[in-house]
Amino acid sequence: MDFGGGDEIRFERRGRAGLVTLTRPKALNALTHRMVRALAAALAAWRVDESVELVVISGEGRAFCAGGDILQVWRNGPGSRDSLAFFAEEYRLNAVLSAYPKPIVSLIDGIVMGGGFGISCHGSHRVMTEQALFAMPEVGIGFFTDVGATYLLPRLKGSFGMYLGLTGARIRAGDALHVGLATHTAASSDIPGILEALCVEGAPDAVLARFRHSIEPATDESAFHAIALQFSRRNLGDILAELQAASDRDETAAKSLAAIRKASPTSVSVVFRQIEAGAMLEFDECMRMEYRIVHAMMHGHDFFEGVRALLVDKDNAPRWQPASLDAVSDEAIESYFARPPGGDLEL
């Protein structure tokens, strides 16, 4: 089936299911604009096709999807209309996935980050295997946790979403299930059997229950409790103070503090406010907020500097502006949440 994705994304009809396979394994299945458009077209067609009972999304190679194609966004340069169009269509796709009337099963058997989160974690069934590795590392490149993270992260158990957003920490399937990011866990070796059963039977709840594979959290209860305490503060400064106070005796606190201090101060400040606000918003409202933020970031400094330092020149020495959290003003952060000159995102 051809929905315009070329060789980057494959669509099939098999039995009761519409199958989506991301086919850029060398690029860790990073999302391109063409992939976003093609997936949106397939979902629109399958929404009204009564023979399609569910949608299954997976990725080739060792990644489900490691994010959006940020190198292309970097090449486009600041203020690029093409980049803003890509983000607008990606956010509309996230909204479609969140409200889709049919089950969407994401088979996450590898790396899932950024844009991969956006196309997997808003559907009804989020299956992670022992091979799954999840993170939202955007603050480390001067960006922010977008693609619907505004909505989902504040709804994770025990302030874990704030922890993930501010630190970019990587977690495995057991932790993801514990906090509510994953809905099911399965063995990597069972993925072909799960896929076949879904195509033959539909009924994702029954199929996934039959293939259930227990994966224990890597984080222990005391660490979950500490994260809940440290990252529940209603002020970024208070979170940093909690982490500082605990860092001598708590390895997770020490690593969290170091990660936040290394990240873009602007991004950390934006993400804190974003996740705080997202807890009170509906999904579409979150997507409009994210478009406001990305519009400002595409006209700013830190994203382009972060990508340069980490992915282009690879000197790992980004020069953030401003360079410290203390130097980030409330007025500057407010500008990231202002209505763009061209208007809010239309959904």
Protein backbone atom coordinates (compact mmCIF):
# COMPACT_ATOMS: atom_id res chain seq x y z
CA MET A 1 0.00 0.00 0.00
CA ASP A 2 1.37 3.40 -0.93
CA PHE A 3 0.52 6.47 1.12
CA GLY A 4 3.48 8.47 -0.14
CA GLY A 5 6.14 7.31 2.29
CA GLY A 6 8.54 5.91 -0.30
CA ASP A 7 11.12 3.55 1.15
CA GLU A 8 11.04 5.22 4.60
CA ILE A 9 7.83 3.68 5.89
CA ARG A 10 5.85 0.61 4.78
CA PHE A 11 2.10 0.02 4.98
CA GLU A 12 0.35 -3.35 4.68
CA ARG A 13 -3.09 -4.83 5.14
CA ARG A 14 -2.87 -8.23 6.79
CA GLY A 15 -5.94 -9.94 8.15
CA ARG A 16 -7.74 -7.64 10.57
CA ALA A 17 -4.85 -5.20 10.93
CA GLY A 18 -3.31 -2.26 9.20
CA LEU A 19 0.46 -2.58 9.65
CA VAL A 20 2.91 0.30 9.80
CA THR A 21 6.65 -0.43 9.70
CA LEU A 22 9.29 2.29 9.95
CA THR A 23 12.02 1.35 7.45
CA ARG A 24 15.00 3.65 8.11
CA PRO A 25 17.04 1.32 10.34
CA LYS A 26 20.39 2.97 9.54
CA ALA A 27 18.93 6.27 10.79
CA LEU A 28 17.30 4.51 13.78
CA ASN A 29 13.96 5.11 12.04
CA ALA A 30 14.11 8.86 12.69
CA LEU A 31 10.93 10.52 11.46
CA THR A 32 11.01 12.61 8.33
CA HIS A 33 8.34 14.97 7.07
CA ARG A 34 7.42 12.46 4.38
CA MET A 35 6.93 9.71 6.99
CA VAL A 36 4.68 11.93 9.08
CA ARG A 37 2.52 12.80 6.08
CA ALA A 38 2.29 9.19 4.94
CA LEU A 39 1.31 7.90 8.39
CA ALA A 40 -1.35 10.60 8.69
CA ALA A 41 -2.77 9.57 5.29
CA ALA A 42 -2.83 5.88 6.24
CA LEU A 43 -4.59 6.57 9.54
CA ALA A 44 -7.19 8.69 7.77
CA ALA A 45 -7.89 5.90 5.25
CA TRP A 46 -7.99 3.12 7.83
CA ARG A 47 -10.21 5.12 10.15
CA VAL A 48 -13.13 4.71 7.73
CA ASP A 49 -12.18 1.25 6.42
CA GLU A 50 -14.39 -1.18 8.31
CA SER A 51 -12.15 -4.12 7.41
CA VAL A 52 -9.32 -2.57 9.45
CA GLU A 53 -10.02 -3.34 13.10
CA LEU A 54 -6.71 -2.16 14.56
CA VAL A 55 -3.40 -0.54 13.63
CA VAL A 56 0.00 -2.01 14.56
CA ILE A 57 3.18 0.11 14.46
CA SER A 58 6.72 -1.28 14.61
CA GLY A 59 10.21 -0.43 13.41
CA GLU A 60 12.96 -2.28 11.57
CA GLY A 61 16.36 -2.80 13.17
CA ARG A 62 17.46 -1.97 16.71
CA ALA A 63 15.23 1.07 17.11
CA PHE A 64 11.51 1.55 17.13
CA CYS A 65 12.13 5.24 16.41
CA ALA A 66 14.88 7.37 17.91
CA GLY A 67 13.14 10.70 17.28
CA GLY A 68 12.54 13.24 14.58
CA ASP A 69 15.09 14.05 11.91
CA ILE A 70 16.61 16.93 13.87
CA LEU A 71 19.69 17.08 11.66
CA GLN A 72 17.44 18.11 8.78
CA VAL A 73 15.79 20.71 11.00
CA TRP A 74 19.27 22.00 11.89
CA ARG A 75 20.25 22.14 8.21
CA ASN A 76 17.09 24.11 7.43
CA GLY A 77 18.32 26.83 9.78
CA PRO A 78 16.60 29.22 12.21
CA GLY A 79 13.05 30.27 11.41
CA SER A 80 12.67 27.76 8.56
CA ARG A 81 9.14 27.50 7.21
CA ASP A 82 9.82 23.89 6.24
CA SER A 83 10.80 23.03 9.81
CA LEU A 84 7.76 24.74 11.28
CA ALA A 85 5.53 22.92 8.76
CA PHE A 86 7.12 19.62 9.80
CA PHE A 87 6.43 20.26 13.49
CA ALA A 88 2.87 21.42 12.78
CA GLU A 89 2.07 18.23 10.86
CA GLU A 90 3.82 16.06 13.45
CA TYR A 91 1.76 17.62 16.26
CA ARG A 92 -1.46 17.18 14.28
CA LEU A 93 -0.50 13.53 13.82
CA ASN A 94 -0.01 13.17 17.59
CA ALA A 95 -3.50 14.59 18.13
CA VAL A 96 -4.94 12.11 15.60
CA LEU A 97 -3.25 9.20 17.36
CA SER A 98 -4.52 10.35 20.76
CA ALA A 99 -8.14 10.48 19.59
CA TYR A 100 -8.09 7.52 17.17
CA PRO A 101 -11.27 5.43 17.44
CA LYS A 102 -9.58 2.08 16.78
CA PRO A 103 -6.91 0.30 18.84
CA ILE A 104 -3.34 1.27 18.01
CA VAL A 105 -0.72 -1.22 19.16
CA SER A 106 2.88 -0.03 19.27
CA LEU A 107 5.42 -2.86 19.38
CA ILE A 108 8.45 -1.14 20.94
CA ASP A 109 11.37 -3.53 20.63
CA GLY A 110 14.31 -1.14 20.77
CA ILE A 111 15.15 2.54 21.14
CA VAL A 112 12.22 4.94 21.45
CA MET A 113 12.87 8.62 21.94
CA GLY A 114 11.41 11.99 20.99
CA GLY A 115 9.30 11.65 17.88
CA GLY A 116 9.17 7.89 18.44
CA PHE A 117 7.40 8.63 21.71
CA GLY A 118 4.94 10.76 19.74
CA ILE A 119 3.90 8.01 17.35
CA SER A 120 3.82 5.20 19.94
CA CYS A 121 2.69 6.49 23.32
CA HIS A 122 -0.63 8.12 22.45
CA GLY A 123 -2.21 4.93 21.13
CA SER A 124 -4.21 2.46 23.18
CA HIS A 125 -1.60 -0.31 23.60
CA ARG A 126 2.07 0.46 24.23
CA VAL A 127 4.05 -2.78 24.33
CA MET A 128 7.70 -2.70 25.43
CA THR A 129 10.15 -5.59 25.40
CA GLU A 130 13.36 -6.13 27.34
CA GLN A 131 15.09 -4.52 24.34
CA ALA A 132 13.17 -1.25 24.73
CA LEU A 133 15.07 1.85 25.79
CA PHE A 134 13.09 5.03 26.38
CA ALA A 135 14.19 8.63 26.89
CA MET A 136 13.15 12.21 26.22
CA PRO A 137 16.65 13.74 26.00
CA GLU A 138 15.68 17.06 24.41
CA VAL A 139 17.00 19.42 27.12
CA GLY A 140 20.49 18.12 26.31
CA ILE A 141 20.30 19.54 22.78
CA GLY A 142 18.59 22.80 23.65
CA PHE A 143 15.10 21.61 22.68
CA PHE A 144 12.06 20.58 24.73
CA THR A 145 9.91 17.53 25.38
CA ASP A 146 7.34 17.86 22.60
CA VAL A 147 5.16 15.44 20.54
CA GLY A 148 2.52 15.25 23.26
CA ALA A 149 4.87 14.91 26.22
CA THR A 150 3.18 18.01 27.63
CA TYR A 151 0.11 15.86 28.17
CA LEU A 152 1.54 12.46 29.07
CA LEU A 153 4.58 13.22 31.23
CA PRO A 154 2.67 15.02 34.02
CA ARG A 155 0.28 12.07 34.17
CA LEU A 156 2.94 9.48 34.96
CA LYS A 157 3.10 8.07 38.45
CA GLY A 158 5.09 9.78 41.18
CA SER A 159 6.36 12.90 39.33
CA PHE A 160 8.33 10.53 37.10
CA GLY A 161 7.45 12.56 34.02
CA MET A 162 9.07 15.67 35.46
CA TYR A 163 12.14 13.58 36.25
CA LEU A 164 12.31 12.25 32.68
CA GLY A 165 11.76 15.67 31.13
CA LEU A 166 14.28 17.61 33.18
CA THR A 167 17.07 15.02 33.17
CA GLY A 168 16.69 13.12 29.89
CA ALA A 169 17.14 9.90 31.90
CA ARG A 170 16.96 6.59 30.02
CA ILE A 171 14.68 3.85 31.31
CA ARG A 172 13.80 0.27 30.41
CA ALA A 173 10.48 -1.51 30.03
CA GLY A 174 9.98 -2.43 33.69
CA ASP A 175 10.20 1.19 34.82
CA ALA A 176 8.04 2.32 31.89
CA LEU A 177 5.30 -0.14 32.89
CA HIS A 178 5.54 0.80 36.56
CA VAL A 179 4.96 4.52 35.94
CA GLY A 180 2.29 4.11 33.27
CA LEU A 181 4.28 4.87 30.13
CA ALA A 182 3.97 1.31 28.80
CA THR A 183 0.68 -0.55 29.03
CA HIS A 184 2.13 -4.04 28.43
CA THR A 185 5.46 -5.86 28.41
CA ALA A 186 6.43 -8.77 26.16
CA ALA A 187 9.47 -10.84 25.27
CA SER A 188 11.36 -9.65 22.19
CA SER A 189 11.32 -13.20 20.84
CA ASP A 190 7.50 -13.19 20.96
CA ILE A 191 7.04 -10.13 18.74
CA PRO A 192 6.52 -12.13 15.52
CA GLY A 193 3.92 -14.30 17.27
CA ILE A 194 2.15 -11.27 18.72
CA LEU A 195 2.03 -9.62 15.31
CA GLU A 196 0.60 -12.72 13.67
CA ALA A 197 -2.01 -13.16 16.40
CA LEU A 198 -3.10 -9.54 16.13
CA CYS A 199 -3.56 -9.89 12.38
CA VAL A 200 -5.56 -13.12 12.71
CA GLU A 201 -7.59 -12.39 15.85
CA GLY A 202 -7.67 -8.64 16.36
CA ALA A 203 -8.57 -8.39 20.05
CA PRO A 204 -5.34 -6.78 21.32
CA ASP A 205 -6.27 -7.09 25.01
CA ALA A 206 -6.65 -10.87 24.75
CA VAL A 207 -3.58 -11.34 22.55
CA LEU A 208 -1.30 -9.24 24.75
CA ALA A 209 -2.55 -10.94 27.90
CA ARG A 210 -1.65 -14.29 26.40
CA PHE A 211 1.86 -13.12 25.56
CA ARG A 212 2.43 -11.26 28.80
CA HIS A 213 6.07 -11.32 29.90
CA SER A 214 7.00 -10.00 33.33
CA ILE A 215 9.81 -7.42 33.39
CA GLU A 216 10.69 -6.02 36.80
CA PRO A 217 11.53 -2.32 37.24
CA ALA A 218 15.23 -1.50 37.28
CA THR A 219 14.50 1.31 39.74
CA ASP A 220 13.80 0.18 43.29
CA GLU A 221 10.94 1.46 45.44
CA SER A 222 13.15 3.74 47.54
CA ALA A 223 14.42 5.46 44.38
CA PHE A 224 10.88 5.86 43.03
CA HIS A 225 9.90 7.42 46.36
CA ALA A 226 12.87 9.79 46.29
CA ILE A 227 12.11 10.87 42.71
CA ALA A 228 8.48 11.49 43.65
CA LEU A 229 9.59 13.72 46.51
CA GLN A 230 12.35 15.60 44.70
CA PHE A 231 10.51 16.25 41.45
CA SER A 232 7.11 17.15 42.91
CA ARG A 233 8.18 20.65 43.96
CA ARG A 234 6.25 23.51 42.40
CA ASN A 235 9.37 25.58 41.79
CA LEU A 236 12.41 24.64 39.72
CA GLY A 237 14.73 26.10 42.32
CA ASP A 238 13.18 23.90 44.99
CA ILE A 239 13.75 20.80 42.84
CA LEU A 240 17.41 21.73 42.45
CA ALA A 241 17.71 22.36 46.19
CA GLU A 242 16.18 18.93 46.94
CA LEU A 243 18.60 17.25 44.54
CA GLN A 244 21.56 19.13 45.97
CA ALA A 245 20.64 18.16 49.52
CA ALA A 246 20.31 14.49 48.56
CA SER A 247 23.24 14.22 46.15
CA ASP A 248 25.82 13.08 48.72
CA ARG A 249 23.83 9.98 49.64
CA ASP A 250 21.62 9.42 46.57
CA GLU A 251 23.27 8.43 43.28
CA THR A 252 20.10 9.13 41.26
CA ALA A 253 19.85 12.62 42.75
CA ALA A 254 23.50 13.31 41.98
CA LYS A 255 23.14 12.13 38.37
CA SER A 256 19.92 14.10 37.97
CA LEU A 257 21.50 17.29 39.25
CA ALA A 258 24.51 16.86 36.97
CA ALA A 259 22.28 16.25 33.93
CA ILE A 260 20.17 19.34 34.61
CA ARG A 261 23.24 21.53 35.08
CA LYS A 262 24.73 20.26 31.81
CA ALA A 263 21.53 20.85 29.80
CA SER A 264 20.38 24.07 28.19
CA PRO A 265 19.20 26.37 31.02
CA THR A 266 16.50 27.76 28.76
CA SER A 267 15.26 24.29 27.81
CA VAL A 268 15.18 23.13 31.44
CA SER A 269 13.19 26.22 32.44
CA VAL A 270 10.75 25.82 29.55
CA VAL A 271 10.23 22.09 30.20
CA PHE A 272 9.54 22.65 33.88
CA ARG A 273 6.83 25.19 33.12
CA GLN A 274 5.48 23.11 30.22
CA ILE A 275 5.01 19.95 32.30
CA GLU A 276 3.51 21.89 35.19
CA ALA A 277 0.96 23.48 32.84
CA GLY A 278 0.24 20.28 30.91
CA ALA A 279 -1.23 18.59 33.97
CA MET A 280 -4.26 20.90 33.70
CA LEU A 281 -4.74 20.86 29.92
CA GLU A 282 -6.54 18.69 27.38
CA PHE A 283 -4.49 17.02 24.67
CA ASP A 284 -5.26 19.50 21.89
CA GLU A 285 -4.45 22.40 24.21
CA CYS A 286 -1.09 20.77 24.91
CA MET A 287 -0.33 20.52 21.21
CA ARG A 288 -1.10 24.19 20.68
CA MET A 289 1.23 25.03 23.56
CA GLU A 290 3.96 22.89 22.05
CA TYR A 291 3.63 24.67 18.72
CA ARG A 292 4.05 28.00 20.50
CA ILE A 293 7.22 26.71 22.15
CA VAL A 294 8.71 25.19 19.00
CA HIS A 295 8.01 28.37 17.06
CA ALA A 296 10.05 30.32 19.59
CA MET A 297 12.82 27.70 19.67
CA MET A 298 13.13 27.70 15.89
CA HIS A 299 13.85 31.41 16.13
CA GLY A 300 16.22 31.02 19.07
CA HIS A 301 19.82 30.01 19.74
CA ASP A 302 20.13 26.94 21.95
CA PHE A 303 18.60 24.27 19.71
CA PHE A 304 20.91 25.05 16.80
CA GLU A 305 23.90 25.29 19.13
CA GLY A 306 23.00 22.04 20.88
CA VAL A 307 22.67 20.08 17.66
CA ARG A 308 25.94 21.58 16.41
CA ALA A 309 27.81 20.56 19.54
CA LEU A 310 26.38 17.08 20.00
CA LEU A 311 25.57 15.85 16.50
CA VAL A 312 27.44 17.96 13.93
CA ASP A 313 30.85 19.03 15.25
CA LYS A 314 30.56 16.56 18.14
CA ASP A 315 32.73 18.62 20.45
CA ASN A 316 30.16 18.10 23.25
CA ALA A 317 30.71 21.68 24.36
CA PRO A 318 27.54 23.65 23.65
CA ARG A 319 27.67 27.36 24.46
CA TRP A 320 24.22 27.97 25.87
CA GLN A 321 22.72 31.47 25.90
CA PRO A 322 22.20 32.24 28.72
CA ALA A 323 24.76 29.92 30.26
CA SER A 324 23.20 29.33 33.69
CA LEU A 325 19.77 28.79 35.19
CA ASP A 326 20.22 31.86 37.37
CA ALA A 327 20.56 33.99 34.24
CA VAL A 328 17.26 32.81 32.69
CA SER A 329 14.63 35.49 33.22
CA ASP A 330 10.93 34.95 33.75
CA GLU A 331 10.27 37.30 30.85
CA ALA A 332 12.40 35.21 28.51
CA ILE A 333 10.57 32.01 29.42
CA GLU A 334 7.21 33.74 29.08
CA SER A 335 8.06 34.49 25.45
CA TYR A 336 8.13 30.76 24.67
CA PHE A 337 4.46 30.46 25.61
CA ALA A 338 3.25 33.48 23.66
CA ARG A 339 0.98 33.17 20.64
CA PRO A 340 3.09 33.05 17.44
CA PRO A 341 2.75 35.91 14.94
CA GLY A 342 1.09 33.57 12.44
CA GLY A 343 -1.44 32.27 14.96
CA ASP A 344 -1.88 29.09 16.97
CA LEU A 345 -1.70 25.58 15.58
CA GLU A 346 -4.92 24.52 13.87
CA LEU A 347 -6.02 20.98 14.73
